[in-house]
Amino acid sequence: MRPLADRTAHLSVVGDAAVPLPERPAALLAEMAEQLTATAADAPLAALRAAGVLERIAARAGRQAAGALCDDGVPDEAVATALGTTRSQALVLLLTARVR
């Protein structure tokens, strides 16, 4: 039981340190998830097309964000903390975003 409690406490600390999503984008993402789930049940091809559009939008925004972070010289550890992840995972996210 103790390892689970330790993990839960750690995740809470990591989550508290992560940068919060602004309210409007968070609400839009939640609504998009609901809409895509409903569309996938009713019109799977339309949902797949919408998912592709969303991936392209996310890739473009990710490139811009990763570029800005790199241009500003934000340290990898700061990115990891802000994203609530490890340094190596943050580097993968940054590199993936930059090459998309």
PDB file of N, CA and C in Angstrom:
ATOM      1  N   MET A   1       0.823  -1.187   0.000  1.00  0.00           N
ATOM      2  CA  MET A   1       0.000   0.000   0.000  1.00  0.00           C
ATOM      3  C   MET A   1       0.870   1.253   0.000  1.00  0.00           C
ATOM      4  N   ARG A   2       1.978   1.222   0.663  1.00  0.00           N
ATOM      5  CA  ARG A   2       2.842   2.398   0.765  1.00  0.00           C
ATOM      6  C   ARG A   2       3.369   2.862  -0.595  1.00  0.00           C
ATOM      7  N   PRO A   3       3.823   1.952  -1.497  1.00  0.00           N
ATOM      8  CA  PRO A   3       4.295   2.424  -2.795  1.00  0.00           C
ATOM      9  C   PRO A   3       3.208   3.165  -3.575  1.00  0.00           C
ATOM     10  N   LEU A   4       1.961   2.710  -3.483  1.00  0.00           N
ATOM     11  CA  LEU A   4       0.874   3.381  -4.173  1.00  0.00           C
ATOM     12  C   LEU A   4       0.659   4.780  -3.600  1.00  0.00           C
ATOM     13  N   ALA A   5       0.721   4.897  -2.292  1.00  0.00           N
ATOM     14  CA  ALA A   5       0.570   6.208  -1.652  1.00  0.00           C
ATOM     15  C   ALA A   5       1.718   7.134  -2.053  1.00  0.00           C
ATOM     16  N   ASP A   6       2.936   6.586  -2.118  1.00  0.00           N
ATOM     17  CA  ASP A   6       4.086   7.389  -2.545  1.00  0.00           C
ATOM     18  C   ASP A   6       3.921   7.863  -3.985  1.00  0.00           C
ATOM     19  N   ARG A   7       3.458   6.969  -4.841  1.00  0.00           N
ATOM     20  CA  ARG A   7       3.262   7.318  -6.255  1.00  0.00           C
ATOM     21  C   ARG A   7       2.182   8.378  -6.392  1.00  0.00           C
ATOM     22  N   THR A   8       1.099   8.227  -5.666  1.00  0.00           N
ATOM     23  CA  THR A   8       0.009   9.204  -5.709  1.00  0.00           C
ATOM     24  C   THR A   8       0.493  10.568  -5.238  1.00  0.00           C
ATOM     25  N   ALA A   9       1.280  10.585  -4.170  1.00  0.00           N
ATOM     26  CA  ALA A   9       1.819  11.846  -3.659  1.00  0.00           C
ATOM     27  C   ALA A   9       2.761  12.477  -4.677  1.00  0.00           C
ATOM     28  N   HIS A  10       3.596  11.654  -5.302  1.00  0.00           N
ATOM     29  CA  HIS A  10       4.534  12.164  -6.311  1.00  0.00           C
ATOM     30  C   HIS A  10       3.779  12.769  -7.494  1.00  0.00           C
ATOM     31  N   LEU A  11       2.761  12.056  -7.980  1.00  0.00           N
ATOM     32  CA  LEU A  11       1.983  12.561  -9.108  1.00  0.00           C
ATOM     33  C   LEU A  11       1.275  13.868  -8.757  1.00  0.00           C
ATOM     34  N   SER A  12       0.861  13.987  -7.516  1.00  0.00           N
ATOM     35  CA  SER A  12       0.221  15.219  -7.070  1.00  0.00           C
ATOM     36  C   SER A  12       1.204  16.390  -7.106  1.00  0.00           C
ATOM     37  N   VAL A  13       2.421  16.144  -6.632  1.00  0.00           N
ATOM     38  CA  VAL A  13       3.454  17.185  -6.646  1.00  0.00           C
ATOM     39  C   VAL A  13       3.808  17.567  -8.079  1.00  0.00           C
ATOM     40  N   VAL A  14       3.983  16.570  -8.940  1.00  0.00           N
ATOM     41  CA  VAL A  14       4.314  16.823 -10.343  1.00  0.00           C
ATOM     42  C   VAL A  14       3.183  17.599 -11.008  1.00  0.00           C
ATOM     43  N   GLY A  15       1.961  17.177 -10.765  1.00  0.00           N
ATOM     44  CA  GLY A  15       0.807  17.860 -11.357  1.00  0.00           C
ATOM     45  C   GLY A  15       0.684  19.297 -10.893  1.00  0.00           C
ATOM     46  N   ASP A  16       0.976  19.534  -9.622  1.00  0.00           N
ATOM     47  CA  ASP A  16       0.913  20.895  -9.078  1.00  0.00           C
ATOM     48  C   ASP A  16       1.973  21.800  -9.683  1.00  0.00           C
ATOM     49  N   ALA A  17       3.110  21.227 -10.080  1.00  0.00           N
ATOM     50  CA  ALA A  17       4.204  22.014 -10.647  1.00  0.00           C
ATOM     51  C   ALA A  17       4.007  22.275 -12.140  1.00  0.00           C
ATOM     52  N   ALA A  18       3.165  21.484 -12.792  1.00  0.00           N
ATOM     53  CA  ALA A  18       2.948  21.638 -14.236  1.00  0.00           C
ATOM     54  C   ALA A  18       2.196  22.930 -14.519  1.00  0.00           C
ATOM     55  N   VAL A  19       2.527  23.523 -15.654  1.00  0.00           N
ATOM     56  CA  VAL A  19       1.861  24.756 -16.054  1.00  0.00           C
ATOM     57  C   VAL A  19       0.394  24.444 -16.350  1.00  0.00           C
ATOM     58  N   PRO A  20      -0.534  25.234 -15.795  1.00  0.00           N
ATOM     59  CA  PRO A  20      -1.940  24.950 -16.060  1.00  0.00           C
ATOM     60  C   PRO A  20      -2.332  25.406 -17.468  1.00  0.00           C
ATOM     61  N   LEU A  21      -3.276  24.693 -18.043  1.00  0.00           N
ATOM     62  CA  LEU A  21      -3.804  25.121 -19.326  1.00  0.00           C
ATOM     63  C   LEU A  21      -4.695  26.341 -19.094  1.00  0.00           C
ATOM     64  N   PRO A  22      -4.617  27.310 -19.989  1.00  0.00           N
ATOM     65  CA  PRO A  22      -5.557  28.431 -19.872  1.00  0.00           C
ATOM     66  C   PRO A  22      -6.992  27.908 -19.960  1.00  0.00           C
ATOM     67  N   GLU A  23      -7.897  28.592 -19.304  1.00  0.00           N
ATOM     68  CA  GLU A  23      -9.278  28.119 -19.181  1.00  0.00           C
ATOM     69  C   GLU A  23      -9.948  27.883 -20.534  1.00  0.00           C
ATOM     70  N   ARG A  24      -9.844  28.813 -21.438  1.00  0.00           N
ATOM     71  CA  ARG A  24     -10.532  28.692 -22.736  1.00  0.00           C
ATOM     72  C   ARG A  24     -10.018  27.495 -23.547  1.00  0.00           C
ATOM     73  N   PRO A  25      -8.682  27.355 -23.749  1.00  0.00           N
ATOM     74  CA  PRO A  25      -8.226  26.168 -24.476  1.00  0.00           C
ATOM     75  C   PRO A  25      -8.588  24.859 -23.770  1.00  0.00           C
ATOM     76  N   ALA A  26      -8.539  24.832 -22.447  1.00  0.00           N
ATOM     77  CA  ALA A  26      -8.900  23.608 -21.720  1.00  0.00           C
ATOM     78  C   ALA A  26     -10.364  23.243 -21.984  1.00  0.00           C
ATOM     79  N   ALA A  27     -11.237  24.232 -21.975  1.00  0.00           N
ATOM     80  CA  ALA A  27     -12.656  23.983 -22.232  1.00  0.00           C
ATOM     81  C   ALA A  27     -12.861  23.523 -23.673  1.00  0.00           C
ATOM     82  N   LEU A  28     -12.161  24.157 -24.604  1.00  0.00           N
ATOM     83  CA  LEU A  28     -12.283  23.760 -26.006  1.00  0.00           C
ATOM     84  C   LEU A  28     -11.784  22.336 -26.237  1.00  0.00           C
ATOM     85  N   LEU A  29     -10.676  21.980 -25.587  1.00  0.00           N
ATOM     86  CA  LEU A  29     -10.151  20.623 -25.729  1.00  0.00           C
ATOM     87  C   LEU A  29     -11.115  19.586 -25.160  1.00  0.00           C
ATOM     88  N   ALA A  30     -11.707  19.896 -24.023  1.00  0.00           N
ATOM     89  CA  ALA A  30     -12.681  18.973 -23.425  1.00  0.00           C
ATOM     90  C   ALA A  30     -13.891  18.811 -24.340  1.00  0.00           C
ATOM     91  N   GLU A  31     -14.372  19.921 -24.894  1.00  0.00           N
ATOM     92  CA  GLU A  31     -15.505  19.854 -25.811  1.00  0.00           C
ATOM     93  C   GLU A  31     -15.140  19.081 -27.080  1.00  0.00           C
ATOM     94  N   MET A  32     -13.934  19.325 -27.591  1.00  0.00           N
ATOM     95  CA  MET A  32     -13.480  18.621 -28.793  1.00  0.00           C
ATOM     96  C   MET A  32     -13.420  17.117 -28.538  1.00  0.00           C
ATOM     97  N   ALA A  33     -12.907  16.725 -27.389  1.00  0.00           N
ATOM     98  CA  ALA A  33     -12.836  15.299 -27.060  1.00  0.00           C
ATOM     99  C   ALA A  33     -14.229  14.673 -27.039  1.00  0.00           C
ATOM    100  N   GLU A  34     -15.181  15.358 -26.431  1.00  0.00           N
ATOM    101  CA  GLU A  34     -16.551  14.852 -26.385  1.00  0.00           C
ATOM    102  C   GLU A  34     -17.143  14.743 -27.789  1.00  0.00           C
ATOM    103  N   GLN A  35     -16.961  15.783 -28.586  1.00  0.00           N
ATOM    104  CA  GLN A  35     -17.517  15.802 -29.937  1.00  0.00           C
ATOM    105  C   GLN A  35     -16.904  14.713 -30.811  1.00  0.00           C
ATOM    106  N   LEU A  36     -15.583  14.549 -30.729  1.00  0.00           N
ATOM    107  CA  LEU A  36     -14.924  13.526 -31.541  1.00  0.00           C
ATOM    108  C   LEU A  36     -15.349  12.118 -31.126  1.00  0.00           C
ATOM    109  N   THR A  37     -15.520  11.910 -29.843  1.00  0.00           N
ATOM    110  CA  THR A  37     -15.976  10.605 -29.359  1.00  0.00           C
ATOM    111  C   THR A  37     -17.377  10.310 -29.887  1.00  0.00           C
ATOM    112  N   ALA A  38     -18.256  11.295 -29.815  1.00  0.00           N
ATOM    113  CA  ALA A  38     -19.620  11.108 -30.319  1.00  0.00           C
ATOM    114  C   ALA A  38     -19.609  10.907 -31.833  1.00  0.00           C
ATOM    115  N   THR A  39     -18.797  11.680 -32.535  1.00  0.00           N
ATOM    116  CA  THR A  39     -18.723  11.560 -33.988  1.00  0.00           C
ATOM    117  C   THR A  39     -18.157  10.205 -34.400  1.00  0.00           C
ATOM    118  N   ALA A  40     -17.183   9.705 -33.652  1.00  0.00           N
ATOM    119  CA  ALA A  40     -16.595   8.402 -33.968  1.00  0.00           C
ATOM    120  C   ALA A  40     -17.651   7.298 -33.911  1.00  0.00           C
ATOM    121  N   ALA A  41     -18.594   7.436 -33.003  1.00  0.00           N
ATOM    122  CA  ALA A  41     -19.656   6.429 -32.892  1.00  0.00           C
ATOM    123  C   ALA A  41     -20.651   6.540 -34.038  1.00  0.00           C
ATOM    124  N   ASP A  42     -20.946   7.781 -34.471  1.00  0.00           N
ATOM    125  CA  ASP A  42     -21.968   8.008 -35.490  1.00  0.00           C
ATOM    126  C   ASP A  42     -21.421   8.067 -36.918  1.00  0.00           C
ATOM    127  N   ALA A  43     -20.239   8.647 -37.056  1.00  0.00           N
ATOM    128  CA  ALA A  43     -19.665   8.864 -38.387  1.00  0.00           C
ATOM    129  C   ALA A  43     -18.150   8.702 -38.306  1.00  0.00           C
ATOM    130  N   PRO A  44     -17.681   7.444 -38.246  1.00  0.00           N
ATOM    131  CA  PRO A  44     -16.259   7.205 -38.016  1.00  0.00           C
ATOM    132  C   PRO A  44     -15.334   7.839 -39.063  1.00  0.00           C
ATOM    133  N   LEU A  45     -15.733   7.892 -40.305  1.00  0.00           N
ATOM    134  CA  LEU A  45     -14.871   8.520 -41.313  1.00  0.00           C
ATOM    135  C   LEU A  45     -14.729  10.019 -41.057  1.00  0.00           C
ATOM    136  N   ALA A  46     -15.823  10.658 -40.690  1.00  0.00           N
ATOM    137  CA  ALA A  46     -15.765  12.087 -40.376  1.00  0.00           C
ATOM    138  C   ALA A  46     -14.883  12.328 -39.145  1.00  0.00           C
ATOM    139  N   ALA A  47     -14.999  11.442 -38.164  1.00  0.00           N
ATOM    140  CA  ALA A  47     -14.175  11.577 -36.963  1.00  0.00           C
ATOM    141  C   ALA A  47     -12.695  11.400 -37.297  1.00  0.00           C
ATOM    142  N   LEU A  48     -12.397  10.455 -38.175  1.00  0.00           N
ATOM    143  CA  LEU A  48     -11.007  10.233 -38.574  1.00  0.00           C
ATOM    144  C   LEU A  48     -10.462  11.449 -39.313  1.00  0.00           C
ATOM    145  N   ARG A  49     -11.286  12.025 -40.182  1.00  0.00           N
ATOM    146  CA  ARG A  49     -10.862  13.229 -40.881  1.00  0.00           C
ATOM    147  C   ARG A  49     -10.627  14.363 -39.896  1.00  0.00           C
ATOM    148  N   ALA A  50     -11.537  14.549 -38.948  1.00  0.00           N
ATOM    149  CA  ALA A  50     -11.388  15.596 -37.939  1.00  0.00           C
ATOM    150  C   ALA A  50     -10.128  15.373 -37.095  1.00  0.00           C
ATOM    151  N   ALA A  51      -9.836  14.120 -36.778  1.00  0.00           N
ATOM    152  CA  ALA A  51      -8.630  13.806 -36.010  1.00  0.00           C
ATOM    153  C   ALA A  51      -7.376  14.208 -36.786  1.00  0.00           C
ATOM    154  N   GLY A  52      -7.383  13.982 -38.087  1.00  0.00           N
ATOM    155  CA  GLY A  52      -6.253  14.382 -38.919  1.00  0.00           C
ATOM    156  C   GLY A  52      -6.069  15.889 -38.939  1.00  0.00           C
ATOM    157  N   VAL A  53      -7.175  16.621 -39.046  1.00  0.00           N
ATOM    158  CA  VAL A  53      -7.109  18.090 -39.005  1.00  0.00           C
ATOM    159  C   VAL A  53      -6.562  18.546 -37.656  1.00  0.00           C
ATOM    160  N   LEU A  54      -7.057  17.935 -36.598  1.00  0.00           N
ATOM    161  CA  LEU A  54      -6.604  18.291 -35.247  1.00  0.00           C
ATOM    162  C   LEU A  54      -5.111  18.001 -35.063  1.00  0.00           C
ATOM    163  N   GLU A  55      -4.641  16.884 -35.616  1.00  0.00           N
ATOM    164  CA  GLU A  55      -3.212  16.564 -35.540  1.00  0.00           C
ATOM    165  C   GLU A  55      -2.372  17.622 -36.243  1.00  0.00           C
ATOM    166  N   ARG A  56      -2.828  18.093 -37.403  1.00  0.00           N
ATOM    167  CA  ARG A  56      -2.077  19.128 -38.122  1.00  0.00           C
ATOM    168  C   ARG A  56      -2.059  20.441 -37.348  1.00  0.00           C
ATOM    169  N   ILE A  57      -3.184  20.788 -36.739  1.00  0.00           N
ATOM    170  CA  ILE A  57      -3.242  22.002 -35.925  1.00  0.00           C
ATOM    171  C   ILE A  57      -2.292  21.877 -34.734  1.00  0.00           C
ATOM    172  N   ALA A  58      -2.327  20.721 -34.067  1.00  0.00           N
ATOM    173  CA  ALA A  58      -1.466  20.490 -32.904  1.00  0.00           C
ATOM    174  C   ALA A  58       0.005  20.504 -33.293  1.00  0.00           C
ATOM    175  N   ALA A  59       0.336  19.915 -34.433  1.00  0.00           N
ATOM    176  CA  ALA A  59       1.730  19.894 -34.884  1.00  0.00           C
ATOM    177  C   ALA A  59       2.236  21.306 -35.145  1.00  0.00           C
ATOM    178  N   ARG A  60       1.410  22.121 -35.803  1.00  0.00           N
ATOM    179  CA  ARG A  60       1.812  23.502 -36.093  1.00  0.00           C
ATOM    180  C   ARG A  60       2.006  24.294 -34.795  1.00  0.00           C
ATOM    181  N   ALA A  61       1.067  24.170 -33.872  1.00  0.00           N
ATOM    182  CA  ALA A  61       1.180  24.876 -32.596  1.00  0.00           C
ATOM    183  C   ALA A  61       2.385  24.374 -31.800  1.00  0.00           C
ATOM    184  N   GLY A  62       2.622  23.063 -31.848  1.00  0.00           N
ATOM    185  CA  GLY A  62       3.778  22.483 -31.161  1.00  0.00           C
ATOM    186  C   GLY A  62       5.090  22.995 -31.725  1.00  0.00           C
ATOM    187  N   ARG A  63       5.184  23.099 -33.054  1.00  0.00           N
ATOM    188  CA  ARG A  63       6.400  23.653 -33.682  1.00  0.00           C
ATOM    189  C   ARG A  63       6.643  25.076 -33.217  1.00  0.00           C
ATOM    190  N   GLN A  64       5.590  25.872 -33.214  1.00  0.00           N
ATOM    191  CA  GLN A  64       5.733  27.262 -32.791  1.00  0.00           C
ATOM    192  C   GLN A  64       6.158  27.355 -31.327  1.00  0.00           C
ATOM    193  N   ALA A  65       5.535  26.561 -30.483  1.00  0.00           N
ATOM    194  CA  ALA A  65       5.858  26.591 -29.053  1.00  0.00           C
ATOM    195  C   ALA A  65       7.276  26.090 -28.789  1.00  0.00           C
ATOM    196  N   ALA A  66       7.638  24.974 -29.419  1.00  0.00           N
ATOM    197  CA  ALA A  66       8.988  24.423 -29.229  1.00  0.00           C
ATOM    198  C   ALA A  66      10.037  25.397 -29.744  1.00  0.00           C
ATOM    199  N   GLY A  67       9.764  26.020 -30.885  1.00  0.00           N
ATOM    200  CA  GLY A  67      10.698  27.008 -31.424  1.00  0.00           C
ATOM    201  C   GLY A  67      10.871  28.185 -30.486  1.00  0.00           C
ATOM    202  N   ALA A  68       9.781  28.668 -29.935  1.00  0.00           N
ATOM    203  CA  ALA A  68       9.854  29.796 -29.005  1.00  0.00           C
ATOM    204  C   ALA A  68      10.639  29.425 -27.753  1.00  0.00           C
ATOM    205  N   LEU A  69      10.400  28.224 -27.231  1.00  0.00           N
ATOM    206  CA  LEU A  69      11.128  27.790 -26.034  1.00  0.00           C
ATOM    207  C   LEU A  69      12.628  27.679 -26.319  1.00  0.00           C
ATOM    208  N   CYS A  70      12.969  27.121 -27.472  1.00  0.00           N
ATOM    209  CA  CYS A  70      14.381  26.988 -27.835  1.00  0.00           C
ATOM    210  C   CYS A  70      15.007  28.359 -28.077  1.00  0.00           C
ATOM    211  N   ASP A  71      14.294  29.237 -28.795  1.00  0.00           N
ATOM    212  CA  ASP A  71      14.804  30.584 -29.062  1.00  0.00           C
ATOM    213  C   ASP A  71      15.033  31.362 -27.775  1.00  0.00           C
ATOM    214  N   ASP A  72      14.152  31.141 -26.801  1.00  0.00           N
ATOM    215  CA  ASP A  72      14.270  31.837 -25.513  1.00  0.00           C
ATOM    216  C   ASP A  72      15.287  31.193 -24.578  1.00  0.00           C
ATOM    217  N   GLY A  73      15.819  30.044 -24.983  1.00  0.00           N
ATOM    218  CA  GLY A  73      16.821  29.364 -24.165  1.00  0.00           C
ATOM    219  C   GLY A  73      16.274  28.776 -22.879  1.00  0.00           C
ATOM    220  N   VAL A  74      15.015  28.364 -22.904  1.00  0.00           N
ATOM    221  CA  VAL A  74      14.412  27.765 -21.710  1.00  0.00           C
ATOM    222  C   VAL A  74      15.095  26.424 -21.455  1.00  0.00           C
ATOM    223  N   PRO A  75      15.626  26.223 -20.246  1.00  0.00           N
ATOM    224  CA  PRO A  75      16.324  24.967 -19.937  1.00  0.00           C
ATOM    225  C   PRO A  75      15.391  23.750 -20.005  1.00  0.00           C
ATOM    226  N   ASP A  76      15.965  22.626 -20.402  1.00  0.00           N
ATOM    227  CA  ASP A  76      15.201  21.380 -20.520  1.00  0.00           C
ATOM    228  C   ASP A  76      14.482  21.021 -19.223  1.00  0.00           C
ATOM    229  N   GLU A  77      15.157  21.223 -18.118  1.00  0.00           N
ATOM    230  CA  GLU A  77      14.558  20.888 -16.821  1.00  0.00           C
ATOM    231  C   GLU A  77      13.333  21.752 -16.542  1.00  0.00           C
ATOM    232  N   ALA A  78      13.381  23.022 -16.941  1.00  0.00           N
ATOM    233  CA  ALA A  78      12.229  23.902 -16.747  1.00  0.00           C
ATOM    234  C   ALA A  78      11.059  23.453 -17.609  1.00  0.00           C
ATOM    235  N   VAL A  79      11.354  23.024 -18.825  1.00  0.00           N
ATOM    236  CA  VAL A  79      10.303  22.505 -19.718  1.00  0.00           C
ATOM    237  C   VAL A  79       9.704  21.250 -19.102  1.00  0.00           C
ATOM    238  N   ALA A  80      10.546  20.357 -18.617  1.00  0.00           N
ATOM    239  CA  ALA A  80      10.062  19.110 -18.008  1.00  0.00           C
ATOM    240  C   ALA A  80       9.155  19.400 -16.816  1.00  0.00           C
ATOM    241  N   THR A  81       9.571  20.299 -15.951  1.00  0.00           N
ATOM    242  CA  THR A  81       8.766  20.650 -14.781  1.00  0.00           C
ATOM    243  C   THR A  81       7.435  21.249 -15.205  1.00  0.00           C
ATOM    244  N   ALA A  82       7.481  22.161 -16.171  1.00  0.00           N
ATOM    245  CA  ALA A  82       6.260  22.821 -16.627  1.00  0.00           C
ATOM    246  C   ALA A  82       5.291  21.845 -17.282  1.00  0.00           C
ATOM    247  N   LEU A  83       5.824  20.812 -17.923  1.00  0.00           N
ATOM    248  CA  LEU A  83       4.969  19.818 -18.577  1.00  0.00           C
ATOM    249  C   LEU A  83       4.591  18.670 -17.647  1.00  0.00           C
ATOM    250  N   GLY A  84       5.204  18.626 -16.482  1.00  0.00           N
ATOM    251  CA  GLY A  84       4.906  17.538 -15.547  1.00  0.00           C
ATOM    252  C   GLY A  84       5.467  16.220 -16.004  1.00  0.00           C
ATOM    253  N   THR A  85       6.676  16.261 -16.591  1.00  0.00           N
ATOM    254  CA  THR A  85       7.283  15.052 -17.132  1.00  0.00           C
ATOM    255  C   THR A  85       8.774  15.028 -16.812  1.00  0.00           C
ATOM    256  N   THR A  86       9.463  14.022 -17.301  1.00  0.00           N
ATOM    257  CA  THR A  86      10.897  13.923 -17.088  1.00  0.00           C
ATOM    258  C   THR A  86      11.647  14.749 -18.125  1.00  0.00           C
ATOM    259  N   ARG A  87      12.920  14.998 -17.868  1.00  0.00           N
ATOM    260  CA  ARG A  87      13.745  15.748 -18.808  1.00  0.00           C
ATOM    261  C   ARG A  87      13.827  15.025 -20.146  1.00  0.00           C
ATOM    262  N   SER A  88      14.009  13.705 -20.114  1.00  0.00           N
ATOM    263  CA  SER A  88      14.128  12.962 -21.371  1.00  0.00           C
ATOM    264  C   SER A  88      12.816  12.988 -22.153  1.00  0.00           C
ATOM    265  N   GLN A  89      11.694  12.879 -21.471  1.00  0.00           N
ATOM    266  CA  GLN A  89      10.409  12.954 -22.167  1.00  0.00           C
ATOM    267  C   GLN A  89      10.172  14.358 -22.724  1.00  0.00           C
ATOM    268  N   ALA A  90      10.592  15.370 -21.990  1.00  0.00           N
ATOM    269  CA  ALA A  90      10.451  16.745 -22.472  1.00  0.00           C
ATOM    270  C   ALA A  90      11.295  16.953 -23.726  1.00  0.00           C
ATOM    271  N   LEU A  91      12.503  16.401 -23.733  1.00  0.00           N
ATOM    272  CA  LEU A  91      13.355  16.517 -24.919  1.00  0.00           C
ATOM    273  C   LEU A  91      12.718  15.840 -26.129  1.00  0.00           C
ATOM    274  N   VAL A  92      12.127  14.683 -25.917  1.00  0.00           N
ATOM    275  CA  VAL A  92      11.449  13.978 -27.014  1.00  0.00           C
ATOM    276  C   VAL A  92      10.303  14.837 -27.542  1.00  0.00           C
ATOM    277  N   LEU A  93       9.526  15.418 -26.633  1.00  0.00           N
ATOM    278  CA  LEU A  93       8.427  16.268 -27.067  1.00  0.00           C
ATOM    279  C   LEU A  93       8.927  17.477 -27.853  1.00  0.00           C
ATOM    280  N   LEU A  94       9.981  18.114 -27.357  1.00  0.00           N
ATOM    281  CA  LEU A  94      10.548  19.281 -28.051  1.00  0.00           C
ATOM    282  C   LEU A  94      11.071  18.908 -29.423  1.00  0.00           C
ATOM    283  N   LEU A  95      11.837  17.831 -29.486  1.00  0.00           N
ATOM    284  CA  LEU A  95      12.416  17.422 -30.763  1.00  0.00           C
ATOM    285  C   LEU A  95      11.343  16.980 -31.749  1.00  0.00           C
ATOM    286  N   THR A  96      10.365  16.248 -31.266  1.00  0.00           N
ATOM    287  CA  THR A  96       9.271  15.799 -32.125  1.00  0.00           C
ATOM    288  C   THR A  96       8.486  16.994 -32.658  1.00  0.00           C
ATOM    289  N   ALA A  97       8.222  17.947 -31.803  1.00  0.00           N
ATOM    290  CA  ALA A  97       7.478  19.136 -32.230  1.00  0.00           C
ATOM    291  C   ALA A  97       8.262  19.934 -33.262  1.00  0.00           C
ATOM    292  N   ARG A  98       9.566  19.995 -33.086  1.00  0.00           N
ATOM    293  CA  ARG A  98      10.392  20.797 -34.008  1.00  0.00           C
ATOM    294  C   ARG A  98      10.463  20.192 -35.415  1.00  0.00           C
ATOM    295  N   VAL A  99      10.357  18.857 -35.541  1.00  0.00           N
ATOM    296  CA  VAL A  99      10.515  18.219 -36.847  1.00  0.00           C
ATOM    297  C   VAL A  99       9.183  17.907 -37.534  1.00  0.00           C
ATOM    298  N   ARG A 100       8.091  18.126 -36.872  1.00  0.00           N
ATOM    299  CA  ARG A 100       6.773  17.855 -37.488  1.00  0.00           C
ATOM    300  C   ARG A 100       6.485  18.843 -38.573  1.00  0.00           C
TER     301      ARG A 100
END
